[in-house]
Amino acid sequence: MELRPITAEDGALFEAELCDDAMMEHLGGAITAEAARATLQRQLDLAAAGDALAFVVVAQGTDVGSVAIWKHEVDGERTSEMGWMILPTFQGRGLGKAAVTACLGRALAGTGWGTIHAYPAVANVASNAICRTCGFELRGERAFEYADRPLVCNDWALDGP
């Protein structure tokens, strides 16, 4: 498994991740292709500004998902958030955990990320397990909206340097 920086040419991967009901089960269902392209552009813009580490997860020469850490505001405070997705045919092989570990390694080798949060849906067993095994601390549940859809998520946090 390796990480490569996302590029504008990764639209098909983002659509495969975000426009699929199974992939988006814990985020309220698929979003439109236009919204997926907008998500990719936001990550590219944040990375260009130094406010994101955004990668494609590559396994055996195939793009299998994505992982990112980005800065934004939550409840009026600047924070760092992490998220990841692995395409269904590649799940269950430890690629999500490996990608999160590698991305965290890059973030924690630097400065400026502070506490990194991950907010998987309470019912997302696999992502909650990745948080637990990668050293995040469970801080409780919180309500969020994603694509105008209400979500109940766990707030996992990992203190950075």
Foldseek 3Di string as FASTA:
>chain_A
DDWDFDDLVCLVQLCLQAQQQVNCVQQPGHDDSVVSSVVSVVQVVQVVVVFKGKTFQADPRDRFWIKMWGWDDDPRDIAIEIDITGRPVPPPPCSVLVRVLVRVVVVQVDDDRFKYKYWTFPPPVVVVVSLVVSDWDWPAWDWDHDPNRITITTITIDGGD
